[in-house]
Amino acid sequence: MACRRDHAWLINHDSLTARLQKRYKHFAVRTLRMAQARLIQDECHVLHLNPSQLATIREVMLLGNRQAVVFAHSVIPRSAKRGPWHHLAGLGNQPLGALLFANPQIKRTPLRYKKLGRNHALYQKAVVHLQHAPTFLWARRSVFYLNCVNILVTEVFLPTLYD
């Protein structure tokens, strides 16, 4: 189980973007990647997609006072890009969270949590941006639905968030 400092960030159902904007004087989003790619195995299961299918992967670093605090990984299936989520391609360095929580028609599944070890793909992507790699990182994810079309958002909490 997560310790108290991790737990408070993991279980909060409100917008992570809004919480970070409130906590840090300078909040920013740095886009690391926006490209077509294959999904991680457990993402295929959650989104009911075939492992051979490609989806748009958006990876960003959320910065608090110019320091990386959260690595975010979003999966946008092809059906979502042609449908109600088509505008996500033009987000750039704008926070996805601001868009997700501004529209009352967007619904969210319950949060799921995972302790990511060194061999997990998202752990490996997140620690590239750290000076020291911890033994593990906590992550949470949920699916957002708009007009029965879904996207998957995973947020990996970096140790710098707790400094």
N, C-alpha and C. Protein backbone atom coordinates (compact mmCIF):
# COMPACT_ATOMS: atom_id res chain seq x y z
N MET A 1 0.83 -1.19 0.00
CA MET A 1 0.00 0.00 0.00
C MET A 1 0.87 1.25 0.00
N ALA A 2 0.39 2.28 -0.62
CA ALA A 2 1.13 3.54 -0.70
C ALA A 2 1.21 4.20 0.66
N CYS A 3 2.30 4.92 0.91
CA CYS A 3 2.41 5.65 2.16
C CYS A 3 1.47 6.86 2.10
N ARG A 4 1.29 7.51 3.22
CA ARG A 4 0.30 8.58 3.33
C ARG A 4 0.50 9.69 2.30
N ARG A 5 1.75 10.13 2.10
CA ARG A 5 2.00 11.23 1.15
C ARG A 5 1.65 10.83 -0.27
N ASP A 6 1.93 9.57 -0.66
CA ASP A 6 1.58 9.08 -1.99
C ASP A 6 0.07 8.90 -2.11
N HIS A 7 -0.49 8.33 -1.07
CA HIS A 7 -1.90 7.96 -1.06
C HIS A 7 -2.81 9.16 -1.34
N ALA A 8 -2.51 10.29 -0.73
CA ALA A 8 -3.35 11.48 -0.91
C ALA A 8 -3.40 11.91 -2.38
N TRP A 9 -2.28 11.82 -3.07
CA TRP A 9 -2.26 12.19 -4.49
C TRP A 9 -2.93 11.12 -5.35
N LEU A 10 -2.73 9.87 -5.01
CA LEU A 10 -3.27 8.77 -5.81
C LEU A 10 -4.79 8.72 -5.81
N ILE A 11 -5.39 8.87 -4.65
CA ILE A 11 -6.83 8.61 -4.53
C ILE A 11 -7.72 9.80 -4.86
N ASN A 12 -7.17 10.99 -4.97
CA ASN A 12 -7.97 12.16 -5.24
C ASN A 12 -8.57 12.08 -6.64
N HIS A 13 -9.88 12.21 -6.73
CA HIS A 13 -10.59 12.06 -8.01
C HIS A 13 -10.73 13.36 -8.79
N ASP A 14 -10.33 14.46 -8.19
CA ASP A 14 -10.42 15.74 -8.87
C ASP A 14 -9.35 15.84 -9.95
N SER A 15 -9.35 16.92 -10.67
CA SER A 15 -8.37 17.15 -11.72
C SER A 15 -6.96 17.28 -11.14
N LEU A 16 -6.06 16.41 -11.58
CA LEU A 16 -4.67 16.51 -11.14
C LEU A 16 -4.06 17.82 -11.63
N THR A 17 -4.41 18.23 -12.83
CA THR A 17 -3.92 19.51 -13.37
C THR A 17 -4.29 20.65 -12.44
N ALA A 18 -5.55 20.71 -12.02
CA ALA A 18 -6.00 21.79 -11.13
C ALA A 18 -5.26 21.75 -9.80
N ARG A 19 -5.03 20.57 -9.26
CA ARG A 19 -4.30 20.45 -7.99
C ARG A 19 -2.86 20.93 -8.14
N LEU A 20 -2.24 20.58 -9.25
CA LEU A 20 -0.85 21.01 -9.47
C LEU A 20 -0.78 22.52 -9.70
N GLN A 21 -1.74 23.07 -10.42
CA GLN A 21 -1.77 24.52 -10.65
C GLN A 21 -1.95 25.27 -9.33
N LYS A 22 -2.68 24.68 -8.42
CA LYS A 22 -2.91 25.29 -7.12
C LYS A 22 -1.66 25.20 -6.24
N ARG A 23 -0.94 24.10 -6.35
CA ARG A 23 0.23 23.86 -5.50
C ARG A 23 1.46 24.65 -5.95
N TYR A 24 1.65 24.78 -7.25
CA TYR A 24 2.88 25.38 -7.78
C TYR A 24 2.61 26.76 -8.39
N LYS A 25 3.50 27.68 -8.10
CA LYS A 25 3.39 29.02 -8.68
C LYS A 25 3.52 28.95 -10.20
N HIS A 26 4.45 28.12 -10.67
CA HIS A 26 4.67 27.95 -12.11
C HIS A 26 4.33 26.51 -12.49
N PHE A 27 3.26 26.34 -13.24
CA PHE A 27 2.86 25.02 -13.72
C PHE A 27 2.96 25.03 -15.24
N ALA A 28 3.48 23.93 -15.80
CA ALA A 28 3.58 23.84 -17.26
C ALA A 28 3.49 22.39 -17.70
N VAL A 29 3.17 22.22 -18.96
CA VAL A 29 3.12 20.90 -19.60
C VAL A 29 4.18 20.89 -20.69
N ARG A 30 5.01 19.86 -20.68
CA ARG A 30 6.01 19.69 -21.75
C ARG A 30 5.67 18.42 -22.51
N THR A 31 5.30 18.57 -23.77
CA THR A 31 5.00 17.40 -24.60
C THR A 31 6.30 16.69 -24.95
N LEU A 32 6.34 15.40 -24.65
CA LEU A 32 7.51 14.58 -24.94
C LEU A 32 7.33 13.80 -26.23
N ARG A 33 6.09 13.33 -26.45
CA ARG A 33 5.82 12.50 -27.63
C ARG A 33 4.34 12.52 -27.94
N MET A 34 4.04 12.57 -29.24
CA MET A 34 2.67 12.42 -29.74
C MET A 34 2.84 11.67 -31.04
N ALA A 35 2.56 10.36 -31.01
CA ALA A 35 2.84 9.54 -32.18
C ALA A 35 1.97 8.29 -32.19
N GLN A 36 1.86 7.69 -33.37
CA GLN A 36 1.20 6.40 -33.50
C GLN A 36 2.14 5.33 -32.97
N ALA A 37 1.62 4.44 -32.15
CA ALA A 37 2.46 3.38 -31.58
C ALA A 37 1.59 2.22 -31.11
N ARG A 38 2.24 1.11 -30.82
CA ARG A 38 1.56 -0.05 -30.25
C ARG A 38 1.36 0.20 -28.75
N LEU A 39 0.33 -0.42 -28.22
CA LEU A 39 0.01 -0.25 -26.82
C LEU A 39 0.78 -1.23 -25.95
N ILE A 40 0.88 -0.90 -24.68
CA ILE A 40 1.39 -1.82 -23.67
C ILE A 40 0.30 -2.87 -23.48
N GLN A 41 0.68 -4.10 -23.19
CA GLN A 41 -0.26 -5.22 -23.12
C GLN A 41 -1.49 -4.93 -22.25
N ASP A 42 -1.27 -4.40 -21.04
CA ASP A 42 -2.42 -4.18 -20.16
C ASP A 42 -3.33 -3.05 -20.68
N GLU A 43 -2.81 -2.16 -21.51
CA GLU A 43 -3.65 -1.13 -22.12
C GLU A 43 -4.59 -1.73 -23.15
N CYS A 44 -4.12 -2.71 -23.89
CA CYS A 44 -4.97 -3.41 -24.87
C CYS A 44 -6.17 -4.02 -24.17
N HIS A 45 -5.91 -4.63 -23.03
CA HIS A 45 -6.98 -5.28 -22.26
C HIS A 45 -8.02 -4.25 -21.79
N VAL A 46 -7.56 -3.15 -21.24
CA VAL A 46 -8.46 -2.12 -20.72
C VAL A 46 -9.32 -1.50 -21.83
N LEU A 47 -8.71 -1.25 -22.97
CA LEU A 47 -9.42 -0.59 -24.07
C LEU A 47 -10.06 -1.57 -25.05
N HIS A 48 -9.92 -2.87 -24.78
CA HIS A 48 -10.48 -3.91 -25.65
C HIS A 48 -9.98 -3.77 -27.08
N LEU A 49 -8.67 -3.59 -27.20
CA LEU A 49 -8.03 -3.45 -28.52
C LEU A 49 -7.10 -4.62 -28.77
N ASN A 50 -6.91 -4.93 -30.02
CA ASN A 50 -5.97 -5.97 -30.43
C ASN A 50 -4.55 -5.44 -30.27
N PRO A 51 -3.62 -6.26 -29.75
CA PRO A 51 -2.23 -5.79 -29.57
C PRO A 51 -1.56 -5.31 -30.85
N SER A 52 -2.04 -5.73 -32.00
CA SER A 52 -1.43 -5.29 -33.25
C SER A 52 -1.93 -3.91 -33.70
N GLN A 53 -3.00 -3.43 -33.07
CA GLN A 53 -3.55 -2.13 -33.45
C GLN A 53 -2.67 -0.99 -32.97
N LEU A 54 -2.63 0.06 -33.76
CA LEU A 54 -1.91 1.27 -33.37
C LEU A 54 -2.89 2.26 -32.76
N ALA A 55 -2.38 3.10 -31.90
CA ALA A 55 -3.16 4.19 -31.32
C ALA A 55 -2.24 5.39 -31.20
N THR A 56 -2.83 6.55 -31.02
CA THR A 56 -2.01 7.73 -30.77
C THR A 56 -1.62 7.73 -29.29
N ILE A 57 -0.34 7.86 -29.05
CA ILE A 57 0.18 7.92 -27.69
C ILE A 57 0.66 9.35 -27.45
N ARG A 58 0.15 9.95 -26.40
CA ARG A 58 0.60 11.30 -26.00
C ARG A 58 1.29 11.17 -24.66
N GLU A 59 2.53 11.57 -24.62
CA GLU A 59 3.29 11.53 -23.37
C GLU A 59 3.76 12.94 -23.05
N VAL A 60 3.49 13.35 -21.82
CA VAL A 60 3.87 14.69 -21.38
C VAL A 60 4.48 14.62 -19.99
N MET A 61 5.23 15.64 -19.68
CA MET A 61 5.73 15.81 -18.32
C MET A 61 5.01 17.01 -17.75
N LEU A 62 4.45 16.84 -16.56
CA LEU A 62 3.83 17.96 -15.86
C LEU A 62 4.89 18.55 -14.95
N LEU A 63 5.09 19.86 -15.08
CA LEU A 63 6.17 20.54 -14.36
C LEU A 63 5.60 21.46 -13.29
N GLY A 64 6.16 21.37 -12.11
CA GLY A 64 5.83 22.28 -11.02
C GLY A 64 7.07 23.07 -10.68
N ASN A 65 6.99 24.38 -10.82
CA ASN A 65 8.16 25.25 -10.61
C ASN A 65 9.36 24.77 -11.42
N ARG A 66 9.08 24.43 -12.66
CA ARG A 66 10.08 24.00 -13.66
C ARG A 66 10.73 22.65 -13.36
N GLN A 67 10.14 21.89 -12.47
CA GLN A 67 10.67 20.57 -12.12
C GLN A 67 9.64 19.50 -12.48
N ALA A 68 10.09 18.40 -13.09
CA ALA A 68 9.19 17.31 -13.46
C ALA A 68 8.59 16.69 -12.21
N VAL A 69 7.24 16.63 -12.15
CA VAL A 69 6.57 16.05 -10.98
C VAL A 69 5.64 14.89 -11.34
N VAL A 70 5.12 14.87 -12.57
CA VAL A 70 4.24 13.79 -13.02
C VAL A 70 4.52 13.50 -14.49
N PHE A 71 4.66 12.21 -14.81
CA PHE A 71 4.75 11.77 -16.20
C PHE A 71 3.37 11.25 -16.58
N ALA A 72 2.79 11.79 -17.64
CA ALA A 72 1.44 11.38 -18.06
C ALA A 72 1.50 10.72 -19.44
N HIS A 73 0.77 9.62 -19.56
CA HIS A 73 0.76 8.79 -20.77
C HIS A 73 -0.70 8.56 -21.14
N SER A 74 -1.10 9.06 -22.30
CA SER A 74 -2.49 8.92 -22.74
C SER A 74 -2.55 8.10 -24.02
N VAL A 75 -3.56 7.24 -24.09
CA VAL A 75 -3.78 6.39 -25.26
C VAL A 75 -5.09 6.83 -25.91
N ILE A 76 -4.98 7.22 -27.18
CA ILE A 76 -6.13 7.70 -27.92
C ILE A 76 -6.35 6.75 -29.10
N PRO A 77 -7.30 5.82 -28.98
CA PRO A 77 -7.55 4.87 -30.07
C PRO A 77 -7.96 5.60 -31.36
N ARG A 78 -7.78 4.93 -32.48
CA ARG A 78 -8.14 5.54 -33.77
C ARG A 78 -9.59 5.98 -33.81
N SER A 79 -10.48 5.18 -33.24
CA SER A 79 -11.90 5.53 -33.24
C SER A 79 -12.13 6.85 -32.50
N ALA A 80 -11.33 7.12 -31.50
CA ALA A 80 -11.47 8.36 -30.74
C ALA A 80 -10.98 9.57 -31.53
N LYS A 81 -9.93 9.38 -32.32
CA LYS A 81 -9.38 10.49 -33.11
C LYS A 81 -10.34 10.96 -34.19
N ARG A 82 -11.13 10.04 -34.72
CA ARG A 82 -12.08 10.41 -35.77
C ARG A 82 -13.41 10.86 -35.16
N GLY A 83 -13.59 10.59 -33.89
CA GLY A 83 -14.85 10.89 -33.24
C GLY A 83 -14.77 12.11 -32.35
N PRO A 84 -15.37 12.01 -31.17
CA PRO A 84 -15.50 13.17 -30.30
C PRO A 84 -14.18 13.69 -29.71
N TRP A 85 -13.12 12.92 -29.82
CA TRP A 85 -11.83 13.33 -29.25
C TRP A 85 -10.90 13.89 -30.32
N HIS A 86 -11.38 14.19 -31.50
CA HIS A 86 -10.52 14.61 -32.62
C HIS A 86 -9.65 15.83 -32.29
N HIS A 87 -10.10 16.70 -31.42
CA HIS A 87 -9.36 17.92 -31.09
C HIS A 87 -8.13 17.68 -30.21
N LEU A 88 -7.95 16.46 -29.71
CA LEU A 88 -6.79 16.18 -28.86
C LEU A 88 -5.48 16.29 -29.62
N ALA A 89 -5.51 16.07 -30.91
CA ALA A 89 -4.28 16.14 -31.71
C ALA A 89 -3.66 17.53 -31.68
N GLY A 90 -4.44 18.54 -31.44
CA GLY A 90 -3.93 19.91 -31.43
C GLY A 90 -3.65 20.47 -30.05
N LEU A 91 -3.60 19.63 -29.02
CA LEU A 91 -3.38 20.12 -27.66
C LEU A 91 -2.01 20.75 -27.45
N GLY A 92 -0.99 20.19 -28.06
CA GLY A 92 0.36 20.71 -27.85
C GLY A 92 0.74 20.65 -26.38
N ASN A 93 1.18 21.78 -25.83
CA ASN A 93 1.59 21.84 -24.43
C ASN A 93 0.46 22.28 -23.50
N GLN A 94 -0.77 22.16 -23.97
CA GLN A 94 -1.92 22.47 -23.11
C GLN A 94 -2.25 21.23 -22.28
N PRO A 95 -2.70 21.41 -21.04
CA PRO A 95 -3.02 20.25 -20.19
C PRO A 95 -4.30 19.55 -20.63
N LEU A 96 -4.21 18.25 -20.78
CA LEU A 96 -5.38 17.43 -21.12
C LEU A 96 -6.42 17.50 -20.00
N GLY A 97 -5.96 17.54 -18.76
CA GLY A 97 -6.87 17.57 -17.62
C GLY A 97 -7.84 18.74 -17.65
N ALA A 98 -7.38 19.89 -18.10
CA ALA A 98 -8.26 21.06 -18.17
C ALA A 98 -9.43 20.79 -19.10
N LEU A 99 -9.17 20.10 -20.19
CA LEU A 99 -10.21 19.77 -21.15
C LEU A 99 -11.15 18.69 -20.59
N LEU A 100 -10.57 17.67 -19.97
CA LEU A 100 -11.37 16.54 -19.47
C LEU A 100 -12.36 16.95 -18.39
N PHE A 101 -11.95 17.83 -17.51
CA PHE A 101 -12.80 18.20 -16.39
C PHE A 101 -13.69 19.41 -16.67
N ALA A 102 -13.52 20.04 -17.82
CA ALA A 102 -14.35 21.19 -18.18
C ALA A 102 -15.66 20.77 -18.85
N ASN A 103 -15.70 19.55 -19.38
CA ASN A 103 -16.87 19.08 -20.13
C ASN A 103 -17.67 18.10 -19.27
N PRO A 104 -18.86 18.48 -18.83
CA PRO A 104 -19.66 17.59 -17.98
C PRO A 104 -20.15 16.32 -18.69
N GLN A 105 -20.06 16.29 -20.02
CA GLN A 105 -20.46 15.08 -20.76
C GLN A 105 -19.39 13.99 -20.69
N ILE A 106 -18.18 14.36 -20.31
CA ILE A 106 -17.10 13.37 -20.21
C ILE A 106 -17.23 12.64 -18.89
N LYS A 107 -17.27 11.33 -18.96
CA LYS A 107 -17.39 10.47 -17.78
C LYS A 107 -16.07 9.74 -17.54
N ARG A 108 -15.81 9.42 -16.29
CA ARG A 108 -14.55 8.78 -15.90
C ARG A 108 -14.82 7.50 -15.12
N THR A 109 -14.04 6.46 -15.43
CA THR A 109 -14.14 5.22 -14.66
C THR A 109 -13.42 5.42 -13.33
N PRO A 110 -13.65 4.53 -12.37
CA PRO A 110 -12.90 4.62 -11.11
C PRO A 110 -11.39 4.50 -11.37
N LEU A 111 -10.63 5.17 -10.52
CA LEU A 111 -9.17 5.12 -10.63
C LEU A 111 -8.66 3.73 -10.29
N ARG A 112 -7.62 3.30 -11.00
CA ARG A 112 -6.92 2.05 -10.70
C ARG A 112 -5.48 2.43 -10.41
N TYR A 113 -4.87 1.74 -9.48
CA TYR A 113 -3.53 2.08 -9.00
C TYR A 113 -2.56 0.95 -9.24
N LYS A 114 -1.29 1.31 -9.42
CA LYS A 114 -0.27 0.28 -9.62
C LYS A 114 1.08 0.81 -9.16
N LYS A 115 1.82 -0.08 -8.55
CA LYS A 115 3.20 0.20 -8.16
C LYS A 115 4.07 -0.28 -9.32
N LEU A 116 4.71 0.66 -10.03
CA LEU A 116 5.51 0.32 -11.20
C LEU A 116 6.95 0.01 -10.80
N GLY A 117 7.40 -1.19 -11.15
CA GLY A 117 8.78 -1.57 -10.90
C GLY A 117 9.67 -1.18 -12.06
N ARG A 118 10.95 -1.42 -11.88
CA ARG A 118 11.96 -1.01 -12.87
C ARG A 118 11.76 -1.61 -14.25
N ASN A 119 11.07 -2.75 -14.35
CA ASN A 119 10.91 -3.39 -15.65
C ASN A 119 9.64 -2.94 -16.39
N HIS A 120 8.83 -2.10 -15.80
CA HIS A 120 7.61 -1.62 -16.46
C HIS A 120 7.97 -0.51 -17.45
N ALA A 121 7.36 -0.57 -18.62
CA ALA A 121 7.66 0.40 -19.69
C ALA A 121 7.45 1.85 -19.26
N LEU A 122 6.39 2.11 -18.50
CA LEU A 122 6.12 3.49 -18.10
C LEU A 122 7.10 3.97 -17.02
N TYR A 123 7.53 3.06 -16.16
CA TYR A 123 8.58 3.41 -15.19
C TYR A 123 9.82 3.86 -15.94
N GLN A 124 10.21 3.07 -16.93
CA GLN A 124 11.43 3.36 -17.69
C GLN A 124 11.34 4.70 -18.42
N LYS A 125 10.17 5.03 -18.93
CA LYS A 125 10.00 6.32 -19.61
C LYS A 125 10.03 7.48 -18.62
N ALA A 126 9.46 7.28 -17.45
CA ALA A 126 9.38 8.35 -16.46
C ALA A 126 10.73 8.66 -15.83
N VAL A 127 11.52 7.64 -15.52
CA VAL A 127 12.78 7.88 -14.79
C VAL A 127 13.87 8.50 -15.66
N VAL A 128 13.69 8.49 -16.96
CA VAL A 128 14.65 9.16 -17.84
C VAL A 128 14.80 10.63 -17.44
N HIS A 129 13.76 11.19 -16.86
CA HIS A 129 13.73 12.60 -16.51
C HIS A 129 14.13 12.88 -15.06
N LEU A 130 14.63 11.86 -14.37
CA LEU A 130 15.04 12.01 -12.97
C LEU A 130 16.54 11.85 -12.82
N GLN A 131 17.10 12.51 -11.84
CA GLN A 131 18.54 12.35 -11.56
C GLN A 131 18.81 11.00 -10.91
N HIS A 132 17.89 10.56 -10.04
CA HIS A 132 18.05 9.29 -9.34
C HIS A 132 16.79 8.45 -9.54
N ALA A 133 16.97 7.22 -10.00
CA ALA A 133 15.83 6.33 -10.23
C ALA A 133 15.45 5.62 -8.94
N PRO A 134 14.22 5.80 -8.46
CA PRO A 134 13.78 5.10 -7.26
C PRO A 134 13.51 3.62 -7.57
N THR A 135 13.29 2.84 -6.54
CA THR A 135 13.01 1.41 -6.70
C THR A 135 11.69 1.20 -7.44
N PHE A 136 10.72 2.05 -7.19
CA PHE A 136 9.41 1.95 -7.83
C PHE A 136 8.78 3.33 -7.92
N LEU A 137 7.72 3.43 -8.71
CA LEU A 137 6.92 4.64 -8.82
C LEU A 137 5.45 4.25 -8.73
N TRP A 138 4.65 5.09 -8.10
CA TRP A 138 3.21 4.86 -8.07
C TRP A 138 2.56 5.49 -9.30
N ALA A 139 1.56 4.80 -9.82
CA ALA A 139 0.82 5.32 -10.97
C ALA A 139 -0.67 5.06 -10.76
N ARG A 140 -1.46 5.83 -11.45
CA ARG A 140 -2.91 5.60 -11.46
C ARG A 140 -3.38 5.80 -12.89
N ARG A 141 -4.52 5.19 -13.19
CA ARG A 141 -5.08 5.37 -14.52
C ARG A 141 -6.59 5.24 -14.46
N SER A 142 -7.20 5.82 -15.48
CA SER A 142 -8.64 5.69 -15.63
C SER A 142 -8.99 5.93 -17.10
N VAL A 143 -10.17 5.50 -17.44
CA VAL A 143 -10.68 5.66 -18.80
C VAL A 143 -11.68 6.81 -18.77
N PHE A 144 -11.58 7.68 -19.75
CA PHE A 144 -12.53 8.78 -19.92
C PHE A 144 -13.38 8.48 -21.14
N TYR A 145 -14.70 8.64 -21.00
CA TYR A 145 -15.66 8.36 -22.07
C TYR A 145 -16.36 9.64 -22.52
N LEU A 146 -16.51 9.77 -23.81
CA LEU A 146 -17.31 10.84 -24.38
C LEU A 146 -18.07 10.23 -25.55
N ASN A 147 -19.39 10.24 -25.46
CA ASN A 147 -20.25 9.64 -26.50
C ASN A 147 -19.84 8.19 -26.80
N CYS A 148 -19.60 7.43 -25.76
CA CYS A 148 -19.26 5.99 -25.84
C CYS A 148 -17.90 5.72 -26.49
N VAL A 149 -17.07 6.73 -26.64
CA VAL A 149 -15.72 6.56 -27.18
C VAL A 149 -14.75 6.89 -26.06
N ASN A 150 -13.72 6.03 -25.88
CA ASN A 150 -12.87 6.19 -24.71
C ASN A 150 -11.41 6.49 -25.03
N ILE A 151 -10.75 7.09 -24.03
CA ILE A 151 -9.30 7.27 -24.04
C ILE A 151 -8.81 6.82 -22.66
N LEU A 152 -7.57 6.41 -22.60
CA LEU A 152 -6.97 5.93 -21.35
C LEU A 152 -5.88 6.91 -20.92
N VAL A 153 -5.94 7.33 -19.67
CA VAL A 153 -4.94 8.27 -19.14
C VAL A 153 -4.26 7.63 -17.94
N THR A 154 -2.92 7.55 -17.99
CA THR A 154 -2.12 7.05 -16.88
C THR A 154 -1.22 8.17 -16.40
N GLU A 155 -1.18 8.35 -15.08
CA GLU A 155 -0.34 9.38 -14.46
C GLU A 155 0.65 8.69 -13.53
N VAL A 156 1.93 8.95 -13.76
CA VAL A 156 3.00 8.35 -12.96
C VAL A 156 3.56 9.45 -12.06
N PHE A 157 3.49 9.23 -10.76
CA PHE A 157 3.90 10.24 -9.78
C PHE A 157 5.39 10.12 -9.49
N LEU A 158 6.11 11.20 -9.71
CA LEU A 158 7.55 11.22 -9.51
C LEU A 158 7.88 11.66 -8.08
N PRO A 159 8.99 11.21 -7.53
CA PRO A 159 9.35 11.56 -6.15
C PRO A 159 9.44 13.07 -5.91
N THR A 160 9.75 13.82 -6.94
CA THR A 160 9.87 15.27 -6.81
C THR A 160 8.53 15.94 -6.45
N LEU A 161 7.43 15.25 -6.68
CA LEU A 161 6.12 15.78 -6.31
C LEU A 161 6.01 15.96 -4.80
N TYR A 162 6.71 15.15 -4.05
CA TYR A 162 6.59 15.14 -2.60
C TYR A 162 7.64 16.01 -1.90
N ASP A 163 8.54 16.61 -2.67
CA ASP A 163 9.59 17.45 -2.06
C ASP A 163 9.00 18.72 -1.48
